[in-house]
Amino acid sequence: MVDSLKIREKFCVNCKFFRKDNINNVYGQCSLFPIDNNYLVTGNKNSSKYYFCSTARKLDILCGKNATKYEKLKQTSSLLD
């Protein structure tokens, strides 16, 4: 029998690279994977565009289903949270 406490899913919302959105984190982005930020019309760079987490987890060249780039978010133990 498998000890269920030892198996933990690697959910993007628990990763240090996760960037929240304003809609229940459904459209969260991964700060580890910026989208090509060279805007070809003006040459301006936009540093706020990243792949959606759902896209990063679908593509093995990014994070993939196994969450190869996942790093657990450090928990803060503050009474003020």
N, C-alpha and C. Protein backbone atom coordinates (compact mmCIF):
# COMPACT_ATOMS: atom_id res chain seq x y z
N MET A 1 0.83 -1.18 0.00
CA MET A 1 0.00 0.00 0.00
C MET A 1 0.88 1.25 0.00
N VAL A 2 0.46 2.24 -0.75
CA VAL A 2 1.23 3.47 -0.89
C VAL A 2 0.82 4.46 0.18
N ASP A 3 1.79 5.03 0.82
CA ASP A 3 1.52 6.05 1.83
C ASP A 3 1.17 7.35 1.12
N SER A 4 -0.09 7.75 1.19
CA SER A 4 -0.56 8.91 0.43
C SER A 4 0.07 10.21 0.92
N LEU A 5 0.62 10.24 2.10
CA LEU A 5 1.26 11.44 2.59
C LEU A 5 2.61 11.69 1.91
N LYS A 6 3.21 10.64 1.38
CA LYS A 6 4.51 10.78 0.73
C LYS A 6 4.39 11.21 -0.73
N ILE A 7 3.23 11.01 -1.34
CA ILE A 7 3.02 11.38 -2.73
C ILE A 7 2.35 12.74 -2.76
N ARG A 8 3.00 13.68 -3.38
CA ARG A 8 2.47 15.04 -3.47
C ARG A 8 2.47 15.46 -4.94
N GLU A 9 1.33 15.93 -5.40
CA GLU A 9 1.25 16.48 -6.74
C GLU A 9 2.04 17.79 -6.77
N LYS A 10 2.63 18.06 -7.89
CA LYS A 10 3.35 19.31 -8.06
C LYS A 10 2.43 20.28 -8.80
N PHE A 11 1.60 20.98 -8.03
CA PHE A 11 0.68 21.95 -8.60
C PHE A 11 1.37 23.28 -8.78
N CYS A 12 1.11 23.91 -9.90
CA CYS A 12 1.75 25.19 -10.20
C CYS A 12 1.48 26.25 -9.14
N VAL A 13 0.31 26.25 -8.54
CA VAL A 13 -0.02 27.26 -7.53
C VAL A 13 0.88 27.15 -6.31
N ASN A 14 1.57 26.04 -6.14
CA ASN A 14 2.49 25.84 -5.02
C ASN A 14 3.95 26.01 -5.41
N CYS A 15 4.18 26.49 -6.63
CA CYS A 15 5.54 26.65 -7.16
C CYS A 15 5.99 28.10 -6.99
N LYS A 16 7.28 28.28 -6.75
CA LYS A 16 7.80 29.64 -6.55
C LYS A 16 7.76 30.48 -7.82
N PHE A 17 7.62 29.86 -8.99
CA PHE A 17 7.60 30.60 -10.25
C PHE A 17 6.18 30.99 -10.68
N PHE A 18 5.19 30.60 -9.91
CA PHE A 18 3.79 30.88 -10.24
C PHE A 18 3.48 32.36 -10.06
N ARG A 19 2.83 32.96 -11.09
CA ARG A 19 2.38 34.35 -11.02
C ARG A 19 0.86 34.33 -11.02
N LYS A 20 0.27 34.88 -9.98
CA LYS A 20 -1.18 34.88 -9.84
C LYS A 20 -1.85 35.73 -10.90
N ASP A 21 -3.11 35.39 -11.17
CA ASP A 21 -3.94 36.24 -12.01
C ASP A 21 -5.06 36.81 -11.14
N ASN A 22 -5.99 37.47 -11.74
CA ASN A 22 -7.09 38.07 -10.98
C ASN A 22 -8.36 37.24 -11.03
N ILE A 23 -8.29 36.05 -11.62
CA ILE A 23 -9.48 35.21 -11.78
C ILE A 23 -9.22 33.84 -11.17
N ASN A 24 -9.16 33.75 -9.88
CA ASN A 24 -9.01 32.47 -9.17
C ASN A 24 -7.80 31.65 -9.61
N ASN A 25 -6.77 32.29 -10.10
CA ASN A 25 -5.52 31.64 -10.52
C ASN A 25 -5.68 30.65 -11.67
N VAL A 26 -6.80 30.68 -12.35
CA VAL A 26 -7.02 29.79 -13.49
C VAL A 26 -6.07 30.16 -14.63
N TYR A 27 -5.76 31.44 -14.76
CA TYR A 27 -4.89 31.91 -15.83
C TYR A 27 -3.53 32.34 -15.29
N GLY A 28 -3.04 31.63 -14.29
CA GLY A 28 -1.73 31.93 -13.73
C GLY A 28 -0.64 31.71 -14.75
N GLN A 29 0.45 32.44 -14.60
CA GLN A 29 1.56 32.34 -15.53
C GLN A 29 2.81 31.85 -14.81
N CYS A 30 3.75 31.32 -15.59
CA CYS A 30 5.00 30.82 -15.03
C CYS A 30 6.11 31.80 -15.34
N SER A 31 6.66 32.42 -14.30
CA SER A 31 7.71 33.42 -14.48
C SER A 31 9.03 32.82 -14.94
N LEU A 32 9.12 31.53 -14.98
CA LEU A 32 10.34 30.87 -15.46
C LEU A 32 10.41 30.85 -16.99
N PHE A 33 9.25 31.02 -17.64
CA PHE A 33 9.19 30.90 -19.10
C PHE A 33 8.58 32.14 -19.74
N PRO A 34 9.40 33.19 -19.95
CA PRO A 34 8.88 34.38 -20.63
C PRO A 34 8.62 34.07 -22.11
N ILE A 35 7.59 34.70 -22.61
CA ILE A 35 7.30 34.61 -24.04
C ILE A 35 8.25 35.55 -24.74
N ASP A 36 8.62 35.23 -25.98
CA ASP A 36 9.52 36.11 -26.74
C ASP A 36 8.99 37.54 -26.65
N ASN A 37 9.73 38.38 -25.98
CA ASN A 37 9.26 39.72 -25.66
C ASN A 37 9.64 40.78 -26.67
N ASN A 38 10.18 40.40 -27.81
CA ASN A 38 10.51 41.38 -28.82
C ASN A 38 9.29 41.67 -29.67
N TYR A 39 8.71 42.84 -29.47
CA TYR A 39 7.55 43.23 -30.26
C TYR A 39 8.06 43.69 -31.61
N LEU A 40 7.75 42.97 -32.66
CA LEU A 40 8.36 43.17 -33.97
C LEU A 40 7.91 44.44 -34.69
N VAL A 41 6.89 45.10 -34.21
CA VAL A 41 6.44 46.33 -34.87
C VAL A 41 7.27 47.52 -34.41
N THR A 42 7.46 47.65 -33.09
CA THR A 42 8.17 48.82 -32.56
C THR A 42 9.54 48.49 -31.98
N GLY A 43 9.79 47.23 -31.70
CA GLY A 43 11.05 46.84 -31.07
C GLY A 43 11.01 46.94 -29.56
N ASN A 44 9.88 47.40 -29.02
CA ASN A 44 9.75 47.50 -27.56
C ASN A 44 9.69 46.11 -26.95
N LYS A 45 10.21 46.00 -25.75
CA LYS A 45 10.16 44.74 -25.02
C LYS A 45 9.09 44.81 -23.95
N ASN A 46 8.38 43.72 -23.78
CA ASN A 46 7.36 43.63 -22.74
C ASN A 46 7.76 42.50 -21.81
N SER A 47 8.19 42.83 -20.61
CA SER A 47 8.71 41.82 -19.69
C SER A 47 7.62 41.19 -18.83
N SER A 48 6.36 41.52 -19.09
CA SER A 48 5.30 40.99 -18.23
C SER A 48 4.54 39.84 -18.87
N LYS A 49 5.00 39.33 -19.98
CA LYS A 49 4.29 38.24 -20.65
C LYS A 49 5.04 36.92 -20.46
N TYR A 50 4.32 35.99 -19.89
CA TYR A 50 4.89 34.66 -19.64
C TYR A 50 3.91 33.61 -20.14
N TYR A 51 4.41 32.41 -20.34
CA TYR A 51 3.53 31.31 -20.72
C TYR A 51 2.55 31.03 -19.58
N PHE A 52 1.32 30.72 -19.95
CA PHE A 52 0.37 30.26 -18.94
C PHE A 52 0.88 28.95 -18.36
N CYS A 53 0.62 28.72 -17.10
CA CYS A 53 1.05 27.48 -16.46
C CYS A 53 0.49 26.26 -17.18
N SER A 54 -0.74 26.36 -17.64
CA SER A 54 -1.35 25.22 -18.33
C SER A 54 -0.58 24.88 -19.60
N THR A 55 -0.05 25.87 -20.28
CA THR A 55 0.76 25.64 -21.48
C THR A 55 2.11 25.04 -21.11
N ALA A 56 2.74 25.61 -20.09
CA ALA A 56 4.06 25.12 -19.66
C ALA A 56 4.01 23.66 -19.23
N ARG A 57 2.90 23.26 -18.61
CA ARG A 57 2.77 21.87 -18.14
C ARG A 57 2.44 20.91 -19.27
N LYS A 58 1.92 21.41 -20.37
CA LYS A 58 1.62 20.55 -21.52
C LYS A 58 2.84 20.28 -22.38
N LEU A 59 3.82 21.16 -22.33
CA LEU A 59 4.99 21.06 -23.21
C LEU A 59 6.21 20.55 -22.45
N ASP A 60 6.71 19.40 -22.86
CA ASP A 60 7.87 18.82 -22.18
C ASP A 60 9.13 19.67 -22.33
N ILE A 61 9.20 20.50 -23.36
CA ILE A 61 10.39 21.37 -23.50
C ILE A 61 10.36 22.51 -22.48
N LEU A 62 9.21 22.73 -21.85
CA LEU A 62 9.12 23.71 -20.77
C LEU A 62 9.16 22.94 -19.45
N CYS A 63 8.05 22.80 -18.78
CA CYS A 63 8.01 22.10 -17.49
C CYS A 63 7.45 20.68 -17.63
N GLY A 64 6.47 20.53 -18.49
CA GLY A 64 5.91 19.21 -18.78
C GLY A 64 5.01 18.66 -17.69
N LYS A 65 4.42 17.51 -17.99
CA LYS A 65 3.49 16.86 -17.06
C LYS A 65 4.16 16.47 -15.75
N ASN A 66 5.46 16.19 -15.80
CA ASN A 66 6.18 15.78 -14.60
C ASN A 66 6.72 16.96 -13.79
N ALA A 67 6.42 18.17 -14.23
CA ALA A 67 6.84 19.38 -13.51
C ALA A 67 8.34 19.39 -13.24
N THR A 68 9.12 19.24 -14.30
CA THR A 68 10.57 19.12 -14.15
C THR A 68 11.25 20.37 -13.61
N LYS A 69 10.62 21.53 -13.75
CA LYS A 69 11.22 22.79 -13.27
C LYS A 69 10.59 23.28 -11.97
N TYR A 70 9.67 22.51 -11.43
CA TYR A 70 8.93 22.88 -10.23
C TYR A 70 9.87 23.07 -9.04
N GLU A 71 9.66 24.17 -8.33
CA GLU A 71 10.36 24.40 -7.06
C GLU A 71 9.31 24.83 -6.05
N LYS A 72 9.23 24.10 -4.98
CA LYS A 72 8.20 24.35 -3.97
C LYS A 72 8.32 25.75 -3.39
N LEU A 73 7.20 26.40 -3.28
CA LEU A 73 7.13 27.72 -2.68
C LEU A 73 7.45 27.60 -1.20
N LYS A 74 8.32 28.44 -0.70
CA LYS A 74 8.66 28.40 0.72
C LYS A 74 7.51 28.99 1.52
N GLN A 75 7.08 28.27 2.52
CA GLN A 75 5.99 28.71 3.37
C GLN A 75 6.52 29.66 4.42
N THR A 76 5.78 30.71 4.66
CA THR A 76 6.14 31.62 5.74
C THR A 76 5.21 31.37 6.91
N SER A 77 5.76 31.29 8.06
CA SER A 77 4.95 31.03 9.26
C SER A 77 4.80 32.32 10.05
N SER A 78 3.88 33.13 9.58
CA SER A 78 3.64 34.41 10.24
C SER A 78 2.21 34.46 10.75
N LEU A 79 2.02 34.99 11.91
CA LEU A 79 0.68 35.12 12.46
C LEU A 79 -0.09 36.24 11.78
N LEU A 80 0.61 37.06 11.02
CA LEU A 80 -0.05 38.18 10.34
C LEU A 80 -0.61 37.83 8.98
N ASP A 81 -0.33 36.65 8.48
CA ASP A 81 -0.83 36.22 7.16
C ASP A 81 -2.32 36.00 7.17
